[in-house]
Amino acid sequence: MNNPALETVLAGRIVSLDNLQPGESGIVEIVEAGSYENGLSVRLRALGVSSSHQVSMLRHGWFGGPLVVRAGKTTEIAIRRSEAELVKVRRI
């Protein structure tokens, strides 16, 4: 089985957004919106968090608080950890 996508996942390069450490960046692969399908995916897309766009982790909130993420070059957003778990990114 020579599947490059599977090898990338196994190598640990595709992770959920909440697993990025401050200073790390990634390319959004998929948003698994689950039961929030319509509202969450539309909101994230409007903020610049959609497939093939770059995101950078700026900081983690204290005591399980929100994550501050830069989408693209200038947009900074705060996102709940539970929502960040649904965004899968490929580390770069």
Protein backbone atom coordinates (compact mmCIF):
# COMPACT_ATOMS: atom_id res chain seq x y z
CA MET A 1 0.00 0.00 0.00
CA ASN A 2 1.74 3.12 -1.23
CA ASN A 3 -0.79 5.81 -0.27
CA PRO A 4 0.85 9.24 0.30
CA ALA A 5 -2.14 10.62 2.25
CA LEU A 6 -2.08 7.66 4.64
CA GLU A 7 1.69 7.96 5.07
CA THR A 8 1.29 11.65 5.96
CA VAL A 9 -1.30 10.83 8.63
CA LEU A 10 0.86 8.06 10.04
CA ALA A 11 3.88 10.37 10.14
CA GLY A 12 1.91 12.67 12.46
CA ARG A 13 1.82 15.64 10.12
CA ILE A 14 -1.98 15.89 10.04
CA VAL A 15 -3.29 16.91 13.45
CA SER A 16 -6.21 18.84 14.84
CA LEU A 17 -5.76 22.60 15.13
CA ASP A 18 -5.67 22.47 18.93
CA ASN A 19 -2.53 20.30 18.77
CA LEU A 20 -0.44 23.04 17.15
CA GLN A 21 1.91 24.77 19.55
CA PRO A 22 2.34 28.55 19.60
CA GLY A 23 4.54 29.51 16.67
CA GLU A 24 3.58 26.46 14.55
CA SER A 25 1.68 26.75 11.29
CA GLY A 26 -0.38 24.42 9.16
CA ILE A 27 -2.50 24.14 6.06
CA VAL A 28 -6.19 23.38 6.69
CA GLU A 29 -7.08 19.99 5.21
CA ILE A 30 -10.67 19.52 6.38
CA VAL A 31 -13.23 20.90 8.82
CA GLU A 32 -15.16 18.03 10.43
CA ALA A 33 -18.07 20.13 11.62
CA GLY A 34 -20.14 17.19 12.84
CA SER A 35 -23.47 18.24 14.33
CA TYR A 36 -22.53 21.90 13.82
CA GLU A 37 -22.24 21.38 10.06
CA ASN A 38 -23.98 24.46 8.72
CA GLY A 39 -23.22 27.16 11.27
CA LEU A 40 -19.67 26.24 12.22
CA SER A 41 -18.31 25.57 8.76
CA VAL A 42 -19.86 28.75 7.36
CA ARG A 43 -18.51 30.83 10.24
CA LEU A 44 -15.00 29.38 9.99
CA ARG A 45 -14.95 29.83 6.21
CA ALA A 46 -15.97 33.49 6.64
CA LEU A 47 -13.08 33.96 9.08
CA GLY A 48 -10.58 32.41 6.65
CA VAL A 49 -10.33 28.90 8.11
CA SER A 50 -11.09 26.72 5.10
CA SER A 51 -9.39 24.04 3.01
CA SER A 52 -5.95 24.85 1.64
CA HIS A 53 -5.58 28.06 3.69
CA GLN A 54 -2.70 28.59 6.10
CA VAL A 55 -3.28 29.05 9.83
CA SER A 56 -0.78 29.84 12.58
CA MET A 57 -1.18 29.20 16.29
CA LEU A 58 -0.44 32.36 18.27
CA ARG A 59 -1.30 31.35 21.83
CA HIS A 60 -3.30 29.00 24.04
CA GLY A 61 -5.71 30.42 26.61
CA TRP A 62 -5.15 29.63 30.26
CA PHE A 63 -7.13 26.89 32.01
CA GLY A 64 -8.57 25.46 28.80
CA GLY A 65 -9.56 28.85 27.42
CA PRO A 66 -9.79 29.74 23.73
CA LEU A 67 -6.97 29.48 21.23
CA VAL A 68 -5.79 32.53 19.32
CA VAL A 69 -5.13 31.66 15.69
CA ARG A 70 -4.01 33.72 12.70
CA ALA A 71 -5.87 32.79 9.52
CA GLY A 72 -4.00 33.92 6.45
CA LYS A 73 -1.68 36.87 6.94
CA THR A 74 -3.71 39.31 9.02
CA THR A 75 -6.91 37.86 10.50
CA GLU A 76 -6.59 36.85 14.16
CA ILE A 77 -9.43 34.89 15.73
CA ALA A 78 -10.17 33.25 19.06
CA ILE A 79 -11.63 29.77 18.71
CA ARG A 80 -12.95 27.32 21.29
CA ARG A 81 -10.83 24.24 21.84
CA SER A 82 -13.83 22.01 21.05
CA GLU A 83 -14.18 23.69 17.65
CA ALA A 84 -10.43 23.62 17.02
CA GLU A 85 -10.49 19.83 17.48
CA LEU A 86 -12.73 19.61 14.41
CA VAL A 87 -10.26 21.43 12.15
CA LYS A 88 -7.58 19.10 10.73
CA VAL A 89 -4.35 20.72 9.56
CA ARG A 90 -1.14 19.55 7.91
CA ARG A 91 1.89 20.88 9.78
CA ILE A 92 4.34 22.90 7.72
